[in-house]
């Protein structure tokens, strides 16, 4: 017999327009709302972990050059704007 997977149930609140957009996106993707939100949360956690890693790397080795960023974008096949956004 297969056991039930443990889940952590959360209650979240959204602005109504954002809630509608999230539900629509999940439906378009053929996913349930919980699965879509879990995937979005995982993507956000990966993004924050990468940002932390890069901040640490740059603190140790110096800021990445535009050539290094362009090489990384090409390697990852990313469409990157020619100039970075202003923070």
PDB file of N, CA and C in Angstrom:
ATOM      1  N   UNK A   1       0.835  -1.180   0.000  1.00  0.00           N
ATOM      2  CA  UNK A   1       0.000   0.000   0.000  1.00  0.00           C
ATOM      3  C   UNK A   1       0.887   1.254   0.000  1.00  0.00           C
ATOM      4  N   UNK A   2       0.511   2.233  -0.776  1.00  0.00           N
ATOM      5  CA  UNK A   2       1.266   3.475  -0.867  1.00  0.00           C
ATOM      6  C   UNK A   2       0.742   4.428   0.203  1.00  0.00           C
ATOM      7  N   UNK A   3       1.674   4.999   0.993  1.00  0.00           N
ATOM      8  CA  UNK A   3       1.290   5.932   2.046  1.00  0.00           C
ATOM      9  C   UNK A   3       1.016   7.317   1.493  1.00  0.00           C
ATOM     10  N   UNK A   4       0.311   8.097   2.255  1.00  0.00           N
ATOM     11  CA  UNK A   4       0.008   9.470   1.855  1.00  0.00           C
ATOM     12  C   UNK A   4       1.248  10.341   2.002  1.00  0.00           C
ATOM     13  N   UNK A   5       1.432  11.238   1.054  1.00  0.00           N
ATOM     14  CA  UNK A   5       2.549  12.167   1.110  1.00  0.00           C
ATOM     15  C   UNK A   5       2.226  13.250   2.138  1.00  0.00           C
ATOM     16  N   UNK A   6       3.193  13.562   2.969  1.00  0.00           N
ATOM     17  CA  UNK A   6       3.007  14.622   3.958  1.00  0.00           C
ATOM     18  C   UNK A   6       3.016  15.970   3.246  1.00  0.00           C
ATOM     19  N   UNK A   7       2.084  16.821   3.597  1.00  0.00           N
ATOM     20  CA  UNK A   7       2.021  18.160   3.023  1.00  0.00           C
ATOM     21  C   UNK A   7       1.923  19.181   4.142  1.00  0.00           C
ATOM     22  N   UNK A   8       2.326  20.371   3.852  1.00  0.00           N
ATOM     23  CA  UNK A   8       2.217  21.485   4.779  1.00  0.00           C
ATOM     24  C   UNK A   8       1.184  22.434   4.193  1.00  0.00           C
ATOM     25  N   UNK A   9       0.017  22.491   4.797  1.00  0.00           N
ATOM     26  CA  UNK A   9      -1.051  23.352   4.291  1.00  0.00           C
ATOM     27  C   UNK A   9      -0.837  24.771   4.790  1.00  0.00           C
ATOM     28  N   UNK A  10      -0.935  25.706   3.862  1.00  0.00           N
ATOM     29  CA  UNK A  10      -0.753  27.113   4.175  1.00  0.00           C
ATOM     30  C   UNK A  10      -1.996  27.879   3.719  1.00  0.00           C
ATOM     31  N   UNK A  11      -2.240  28.980   4.355  1.00  0.00           N
ATOM     32  CA  UNK A  11      -3.293  29.884   3.921  1.00  0.00           C
ATOM     33  C   UNK A  11      -2.607  31.143   3.415  1.00  0.00           C
ATOM     34  N   UNK A  12      -2.926  31.544   2.196  1.00  0.00           N
ATOM     35  CA  UNK A  12      -2.304  32.736   1.633  1.00  0.00           C
ATOM     36  C   UNK A  12      -3.389  33.714   1.201  1.00  0.00           C
ATOM     37  N   UNK A  13      -3.047  34.979   1.175  1.00  0.00           N
ATOM     38  CA  UNK A  13      -3.964  36.020   0.737  1.00  0.00           C
ATOM     39  C   UNK A  13      -3.316  36.812  -0.390  1.00  0.00           C
ATOM     40  N   UNK A  14      -4.106  37.134  -1.397  1.00  0.00           N
ATOM     41  CA  UNK A  14      -3.635  37.904  -2.542  1.00  0.00           C
ATOM     42  C   UNK A  14      -4.579  39.054  -2.807  1.00  0.00           C
ATOM     43  N   UNK A  15      -4.048  40.085  -3.433  1.00  0.00           N
ATOM     44  CA  UNK A  15      -4.878  41.113  -4.031  1.00  0.00           C
ATOM     45  C   UNK A  15      -5.793  40.375  -5.026  1.00  0.00           C
ATOM     46  N   UNK A  16      -7.056  40.757  -5.155  1.00  0.00           N
ATOM     47  CA  UNK A  16      -7.970  40.031  -6.042  1.00  0.00           C
ATOM     48  C   UNK A  16      -7.464  39.874  -7.476  1.00  0.00           C
ATOM     49  N   UNK A  17      -6.861  40.931  -8.032  1.00  0.00           N
ATOM     50  CA  UNK A  17      -6.361  40.822  -9.409  1.00  0.00           C
ATOM     51  C   UNK A  17      -5.229  39.812  -9.512  1.00  0.00           C
ATOM     52  N   UNK A  18      -4.340  39.797  -8.522  1.00  0.00           N
ATOM     53  CA  UNK A  18      -3.255  38.823  -8.522  1.00  0.00           C
ATOM     54  C   UNK A  18      -3.816  37.410  -8.346  1.00  0.00           C
ATOM     55  N   UNK A  19      -4.773  37.258  -7.452  1.00  0.00           N
ATOM     56  CA  UNK A  19      -5.405  35.949  -7.259  1.00  0.00           C
ATOM     57  C   UNK A  19      -6.009  35.433  -8.551  1.00  0.00           C
ATOM     58  N   UNK A  20      -6.709  36.296  -9.278  1.00  0.00           N
ATOM     59  CA  UNK A  20      -7.293  35.891 -10.562  1.00  0.00           C
ATOM     60  C   UNK A  20      -6.210  35.484 -11.552  1.00  0.00           C
ATOM     61  N   UNK A  21      -5.130  36.267 -11.601  1.00  0.00           N
ATOM     62  CA  UNK A  21      -4.042  35.972 -12.532  1.00  0.00           C
ATOM     63  C   UNK A  21      -3.370  34.642 -12.196  1.00  0.00           C
ATOM     64  N   UNK A  22      -3.189  34.368 -10.917  1.00  0.00           N
ATOM     65  CA  UNK A  22      -2.568  33.105 -10.486  1.00  0.00           C
ATOM     66  C   UNK A  22      -3.467  31.926 -10.853  1.00  0.00           C
ATOM     67  N   UNK A  23      -4.748  32.048 -10.554  1.00  0.00           N
ATOM     68  CA  UNK A  23      -5.677  30.958 -10.909  1.00  0.00           C
ATOM     69  C   UNK A  23      -5.698  30.722 -12.415  1.00  0.00           C
ATOM     70  N   UNK A  24      -5.715  31.815 -13.186  1.00  0.00           N
ATOM     71  CA  UNK A  24      -5.713  31.685 -14.655  1.00  0.00           C
ATOM     72  C   UNK A  24      -4.432  31.026 -15.151  1.00  0.00           C
ATOM     73  N   UNK A  25      -3.301  31.430 -14.580  1.00  0.00           N
ATOM     74  CA  UNK A  25      -2.016  30.852 -14.998  1.00  0.00           C
ATOM     75  C   UNK A  25      -1.964  29.361 -14.688  1.00  0.00           C
ATOM     76  N   UNK A  26      -2.446  28.976 -13.522  1.00  0.00           N
ATOM     77  CA  UNK A  26      -2.451  27.554 -13.162  1.00  0.00           C
ATOM     78  C   UNK A  26      -3.346  26.773 -14.119  1.00  0.00           C
ATOM     79  N   UNK A  27      -4.498  27.331 -14.417  1.00  0.00           N
ATOM     80  CA  UNK A  27      -5.438  26.662 -15.332  1.00  0.00           C
ATOM     81  C   UNK A  27      -4.840  26.525 -16.731  1.00  0.00           C
ATOM     82  N   UNK A  28      -4.231  27.625 -17.228  1.00  0.00           N
ATOM     83  CA  UNK A  28      -3.593  27.576 -18.557  1.00  0.00           C
ATOM     84  C   UNK A  28      -2.481  26.537 -18.597  1.00  0.00           C
ATOM     85  N   UNK A  29      -1.768  26.403 -17.477  1.00  0.00           N
ATOM     86  CA  UNK A  29      -0.673  25.441 -17.414  1.00  0.00           C
ATOM     87  C   UNK A  29      -1.136  24.015 -17.140  1.00  0.00           C
ATOM     88  N   UNK A  30      -2.454  23.838 -16.980  1.00  0.00           N
ATOM     89  CA  UNK A  30      -2.981  22.501 -16.719  1.00  0.00           C
ATOM     90  C   UNK A  30      -2.573  21.959 -15.360  1.00  0.00           C
ATOM     91  N   UNK A  31      -2.352  22.866 -14.412  1.00  0.00           N
ATOM     92  CA  UNK A  31      -1.914  22.480 -13.076  1.00  0.00           C
ATOM     93  C   UNK A  31      -2.971  22.880 -12.073  1.00  0.00           C
ATOM     94  N   UNK A  32      -2.921  22.226 -10.937  1.00  0.00           N
ATOM     95  CA  UNK A  32      -3.748  22.664  -9.826  1.00  0.00           C
ATOM     96  C   UNK A  32      -3.117  23.903  -9.211  1.00  0.00           C
ATOM     97  N   UNK A  33      -3.922  24.655  -8.498  1.00  0.00           N
ATOM     98  CA  UNK A  33      -3.431  25.892  -7.895  1.00  0.00           C
ATOM     99  C   UNK A  33      -2.292  25.626  -6.913  1.00  0.00           C
ATOM    100  N   UNK A  34      -2.427  24.601  -6.077  1.00  0.00           N
ATOM    101  CA  UNK A  34      -1.372  24.291  -5.103  1.00  0.00           C
ATOM    102  C   UNK A  34      -0.064  23.937  -5.802  1.00  0.00           C
ATOM    103  N   UNK A  35      -0.139  23.122  -6.842  1.00  0.00           N
ATOM    104  CA  UNK A  35       1.064  22.737  -7.581  1.00  0.00           C
ATOM    105  C   UNK A  35       1.722  23.924  -8.255  1.00  0.00           C
ATOM    106  N   UNK A  36       0.890  24.805  -8.828  1.00  0.00           N
ATOM    107  CA  UNK A  36       1.427  25.988  -9.494  1.00  0.00           C
ATOM    108  C   UNK A  36       2.126  26.892  -8.489  1.00  0.00           C
ATOM    109  N   UNK A  37       1.485  27.127  -7.337  1.00  0.00           N
ATOM    110  CA  UNK A  37       2.079  27.972  -6.308  1.00  0.00           C
ATOM    111  C   UNK A  37       3.354  27.347  -5.734  1.00  0.00           C
ATOM    112  N   UNK A  38       3.363  26.027  -5.571  1.00  0.00           N
ATOM    113  CA  UNK A  38       4.563  25.359  -5.058  1.00  0.00           C
ATOM    114  C   UNK A  38       5.718  25.523  -6.040  1.00  0.00           C
ATOM    115  N   UNK A  39       5.430  25.380  -7.332  1.00  0.00           N
ATOM    116  CA  UNK A  39       6.466  25.556  -8.349  1.00  0.00           C
ATOM    117  C   UNK A  39       6.979  26.996  -8.353  1.00  0.00           C
ATOM    118  N   UNK A  40       6.078  27.973  -8.211  1.00  0.00           N
ATOM    119  CA  UNK A  40       6.475  29.378  -8.167  1.00  0.00           C
ATOM    120  C   UNK A  40       7.341  29.653  -6.933  1.00  0.00           C
ATOM    121  N   UNK A  41       6.978  29.065  -5.798  1.00  0.00           N
ATOM    122  CA  UNK A  41       7.757  29.255  -4.571  1.00  0.00           C
ATOM    123  C   UNK A  41       9.145  28.646  -4.726  1.00  0.00           C
ATOM    124  N   UNK A  42       9.231  27.464  -5.342  1.00  0.00           N
ATOM    125  CA  UNK A  42      10.536  26.834  -5.571  1.00  0.00           C
ATOM    126  C   UNK A  42      11.401  27.702  -6.475  1.00  0.00           C
ATOM    127  N   UNK A  43      10.807  28.271  -7.513  1.00  0.00           N
ATOM    128  CA  UNK A  43      11.558  29.148  -8.424  1.00  0.00           C
ATOM    129  C   UNK A  43      12.069  30.381  -7.678  1.00  0.00           C
ATOM    130  N   UNK A  44      11.251  30.950  -6.815  1.00  0.00           N
ATOM    131  CA  UNK A  44      11.664  32.123  -6.037  1.00  0.00           C
ATOM    132  C   UNK A  44      12.802  31.772  -5.092  1.00  0.00           C
ATOM    133  N   UNK A  45      12.721  30.603  -4.436  1.00  0.00           N
ATOM    134  CA  UNK A  45      13.790  30.181  -3.533  1.00  0.00           C
ATOM    135  C   UNK A  45      15.098  29.948  -4.288  1.00  0.00           C
ATOM    136  N   UNK A  46      15.023  29.350  -5.486  1.00  0.00           N
ATOM    137  CA  UNK A  46      16.227  29.160  -6.307  1.00  0.00           C
ATOM    138  C   UNK A  46      16.821  30.502  -6.705  1.00  0.00           C
ATOM    139  N   UNK A  47      15.957  31.441  -7.085  1.00  0.00           N
ATOM    140  CA  UNK A  47      16.420  32.767  -7.479  1.00  0.00           C
ATOM    141  C   UNK A  47      17.124  33.470  -6.326  1.00  0.00           C
ATOM    142  N   UNK A  48      16.544  33.400  -5.127  1.00  0.00           N
ATOM    143  CA  UNK A  48      17.171  34.028  -3.962  1.00  0.00           C
ATOM    144  C   UNK A  48      18.479  33.345  -3.585  1.00  0.00           C
ATOM    145  N   UNK A  49      18.536  32.020  -3.712  1.00  0.00           N
ATOM    146  CA  UNK A  49      19.779  31.297  -3.414  1.00  0.00           C
ATOM    147  C   UNK A  49      20.873  31.690  -4.407  1.00  0.00           C
ATOM    148  N   UNK A  50      20.509  31.832  -5.678  1.00  0.00           N
ATOM    149  CA  UNK A  50      21.483  32.259  -6.686  1.00  0.00           C
ATOM    150  C   UNK A  50      21.960  33.678  -6.400  1.00  0.00           C
ATOM    151  N   UNK A  51      21.046  34.560  -6.036  1.00  0.00           N
ATOM    152  CA  UNK A  51      21.424  35.936  -5.702  1.00  0.00           C
ATOM    153  C   UNK A  51      22.389  35.964  -4.515  1.00  0.00           C
ATOM    154  N   UNK A  52      22.105  35.160  -3.480  1.00  0.00           N
ATOM    155  CA  UNK A  52      23.005  35.087  -2.319  1.00  0.00           C
ATOM    156  C   UNK A  52      24.372  34.555  -2.721  1.00  0.00           C
ATOM    157  N   UNK A  53      24.396  33.508  -3.552  1.00  0.00           N
ATOM    158  CA  UNK A  53      25.654  32.940  -4.013  1.00  0.00           C
ATOM    159  C   UNK A  53      26.468  33.983  -4.779  1.00  0.00           C
ATOM    160  N   UNK A  54      25.801  34.659  -5.722  1.00  0.00           N
ATOM    161  CA  UNK A  54      26.518  35.646  -6.535  1.00  0.00           C
ATOM    162  C   UNK A  54      27.014  36.818  -5.699  1.00  0.00           C
ATOM    163  N   UNK A  55      26.213  37.243  -4.715  1.00  0.00           N
ATOM    164  CA  UNK A  55      26.674  38.314  -3.828  1.00  0.00           C
ATOM    165  C   UNK A  55      27.945  37.886  -3.093  1.00  0.00           C
ATOM    166  N   UNK A  56      27.975  36.660  -2.603  1.00  0.00           N
ATOM    167  CA  UNK A  56      29.158  36.144  -1.915  1.00  0.00           C
ATOM    168  C   UNK A  56      30.339  36.004  -2.844  1.00  0.00           C
ATOM    169  N   UNK A  57      30.082  35.509  -4.055  1.00  0.00           N
ATOM    170  CA  UNK A  57      31.155  35.343  -5.034  1.00  0.00           C
ATOM    171  C   UNK A  57      31.758  36.698  -5.389  1.00  0.00           C
ATOM    172  N   UNK A  58      30.883  37.684  -5.643  1.00  0.00           N
ATOM    173  CA  UNK A  58      31.386  39.006  -6.004  1.00  0.00           C
ATOM    174  C   UNK A  58      32.113  39.672  -4.836  1.00  0.00           C
ATOM    175  N   UNK A  59      31.677  39.410  -3.607  1.00  0.00           N
ATOM    176  CA  UNK A  59      32.377  39.973  -2.446  1.00  0.00           C
ATOM    177  C   UNK A  59      33.792  39.422  -2.357  1.00  0.00           C
ATOM    178  N   UNK A  60      33.965  38.183  -2.763  1.00  0.00           N
ATOM    179  CA  UNK A  60      35.276  37.538  -2.687  1.00  0.00           C
ATOM    180  C   UNK A  60      36.146  37.823  -3.920  1.00  0.00           C
ATOM    181  N   UNK A  61      35.513  37.837  -5.118  1.00  0.00           N
ATOM    182  CA  UNK A  61      36.273  37.899  -6.369  1.00  0.00           C
ATOM    183  C   UNK A  61      36.113  39.199  -7.139  1.00  0.00           C
ATOM    184  N   UNK A  62      35.188  40.041  -6.728  1.00  0.00           N
ATOM    185  CA  UNK A  62      34.927  41.276  -7.466  1.00  0.00           C
ATOM    186  C   UNK A  62      33.702  41.137  -8.351  1.00  0.00           C
ATOM    187  N   UNK A  63      33.198  42.266  -8.771  1.00  0.00           N
ATOM    188  CA  UNK A  63      31.983  42.310  -9.583  1.00  0.00           C
ATOM    189  C   UNK A  63      32.221  41.631 -10.929  1.00  0.00           C
ATOM    190  N   UNK A  64      31.237  40.878 -11.365  1.00  0.00           N
ATOM    191  CA  UNK A  64      31.321  40.223 -12.674  1.00  0.00           C
ATOM    192  C   UNK A  64      31.342  41.281 -13.777  1.00  0.00           C
ATOM    193  N   UNK A  65      32.199  41.068 -14.757  1.00  0.00           N
ATOM    194  CA  UNK A  65      32.301  42.013 -15.871  1.00  0.00           C
ATOM    195  C   UNK A  65      31.168  41.770 -16.854  1.00  0.00           C
ATOM    196  N   UNK A  66      30.939  42.770 -17.727  1.00  0.00           N
ATOM    197  CA  UNK A  66      29.908  42.579 -18.748  1.00  0.00           C
ATOM    198  C   UNK A  66      30.253  41.432 -19.684  1.00  0.00           C
ATOM    199  N   UNK A  67      31.543  41.204 -19.947  1.00  0.00           N
ATOM    200  CA  UNK A  67      31.944  40.070 -20.783  1.00  0.00           C
ATOM    201  C   UNK A  67      31.600  38.743 -20.102  1.00  0.00           C
ATOM    202  N   UNK A  68      31.852  38.662 -18.800  1.00  0.00           N
ATOM    203  CA  UNK A  68      31.520  37.434 -18.062  1.00  0.00           C
ATOM    204  C   UNK A  68      30.009  37.207 -18.051  1.00  0.00           C
ATOM    205  N   UNK A  69      29.245  38.269 -17.833  1.00  0.00           N
ATOM    206  CA  UNK A  69      27.787  38.142 -17.828  1.00  0.00           C
ATOM    207  C   UNK A  69      27.263  37.743 -19.206  1.00  0.00           C
ATOM    208  N   UNK A  70      27.840  38.328 -20.266  1.00  0.00           N
ATOM    209  CA  UNK A  70      27.428  37.984 -21.629  1.00  0.00           C
ATOM    210  C   UNK A  70      27.763  36.529 -21.945  1.00  0.00           C
ATOM    211  N   UNK A  71      28.941  36.072 -21.507  1.00  0.00           N
ATOM    212  CA  UNK A  71      29.331  34.674 -21.739  1.00  0.00           C
ATOM    213  C   UNK A  71      28.381  33.722 -21.005  1.00  0.00           C
ATOM    214  N   UNK A  72      28.018  34.078 -19.774  1.00  0.00           N
ATOM    215  CA  UNK A  72      27.092  33.245 -19.005  1.00  0.00           C
ATOM    216  C   UNK A  72      25.722  33.221 -19.674  1.00  0.00           C
ATOM    217  N   UNK A  73      25.250  34.376 -20.139  1.00  0.00           N
ATOM    218  CA  UNK A  73      23.954  34.449 -20.809  1.00  0.00           C
ATOM    219  C   UNK A  73      23.955  33.603 -22.083  1.00  0.00           C
ATOM    220  N   UNK A  74      25.055  33.665 -22.839  1.00  0.00           N
ATOM    221  CA  UNK A  74      25.155  32.865 -24.062  1.00  0.00           C
ATOM    222  C   UNK A  74      25.161  31.378 -23.724  1.00  0.00           C
ATOM    223  N   UNK A  75      25.909  31.008 -22.701  1.00  0.00           N
ATOM    224  CA  UNK A  75      25.987  29.607 -22.283  1.00  0.00           C
ATOM    225  C   UNK A  75      24.612  29.086 -21.861  1.00  0.00           C
ATOM    226  N   UNK A  76      23.851  29.938 -21.179  1.00  0.00           N
ATOM    227  CA  UNK A  76      22.526  29.542 -20.692  1.00  0.00           C
ATOM    228  C   UNK A  76      21.426  29.817 -21.711  1.00  0.00           C
ATOM    229  N   UNK A  77      21.817  30.375 -22.858  1.00  0.00           N
ATOM    230  CA  UNK A  77      20.878  30.719 -23.932  1.00  0.00           C
ATOM    231  C   UNK A  77      19.780  31.652 -23.435  1.00  0.00           C
ATOM    232  N   UNK A  78      20.207  32.694 -22.727  1.00  0.00           N
ATOM    233  CA  UNK A  78      19.281  33.683 -22.193  1.00  0.00           C
ATOM    234  C   UNK A  78      19.246  34.902 -23.096  1.00  0.00           C
ATOM    235  N   UNK A  79      18.082  35.504 -23.188  1.00  0.00           N
ATOM    236  CA  UNK A  79      17.949  36.768 -23.916  1.00  0.00           C
ATOM    237  C   UNK A  79      18.076  37.866 -22.874  1.00  0.00           C
ATOM    238  N   UNK A  80      19.237  38.510 -22.839  1.00  0.00           N
ATOM    239  CA  UNK A  80      19.550  39.485 -21.814  1.00  0.00           C
ATOM    240  C   UNK A  80      19.625  40.870 -22.440  1.00  0.00           C
ATOM    241  N   UNK A  81      19.010  41.879 -21.793  1.00  0.00           N
ATOM    242  CA  UNK A  81      19.123  43.237 -22.326  1.00  0.00           C
ATOM    243  C   UNK A  81      20.580  43.682 -22.368  1.00  0.00           C
ATOM    244  N   UNK A  82      20.889  44.616 -23.264  1.00  0.00           N
ATOM    245  CA  UNK A  82      22.267  45.048 -23.440  1.00  0.00           C
ATOM    246  C   UNK A  82      22.821  45.783 -22.227  1.00  0.00           C
ATOM    247  N   UNK A  83      21.969  46.412 -21.430  1.00  0.00           N
ATOM    248  CA  UNK A  83      22.468  47.062 -20.216  1.00  0.00           C
ATOM    249  C   UNK A  83      21.653  46.569 -19.022  1.00  0.00           C
ATOM    250  N   UNK A  84      22.321  46.380 -17.883  1.00  0.00           N
ATOM    251  CA  UNK A  84      21.615  45.875 -16.710  1.00  0.00           C
ATOM    252  C   UNK A  84      20.641  46.922 -16.167  1.00  0.00           C
ATOM    253  N   UNK A  85      19.553  46.466 -15.517  1.00  0.00           N
ATOM    254  CA  UNK A  85      18.609  47.417 -14.949  1.00  0.00           C
ATOM    255  C   UNK A  85      19.239  48.202 -13.820  1.00  0.00           C
ATOM    256  N   UNK A  86      18.797  49.414 -13.635  1.00  0.00           N
ATOM    257  CA  UNK A  86      19.298  50.263 -12.556  1.00  0.00           C
ATOM    258  C   UNK A  86      18.564  49.911 -11.276  1.00  0.00           C
ATOM    259  N   UNK A  87      19.315  49.664 -10.195  1.00  0.00           N
ATOM    260  CA  UNK A  87      18.694  49.266  -8.925  1.00  0.00           C
ATOM    261  C   UNK A  87      18.219  50.456  -8.144  1.00  0.00           C
TER     262      UNK A  87
END
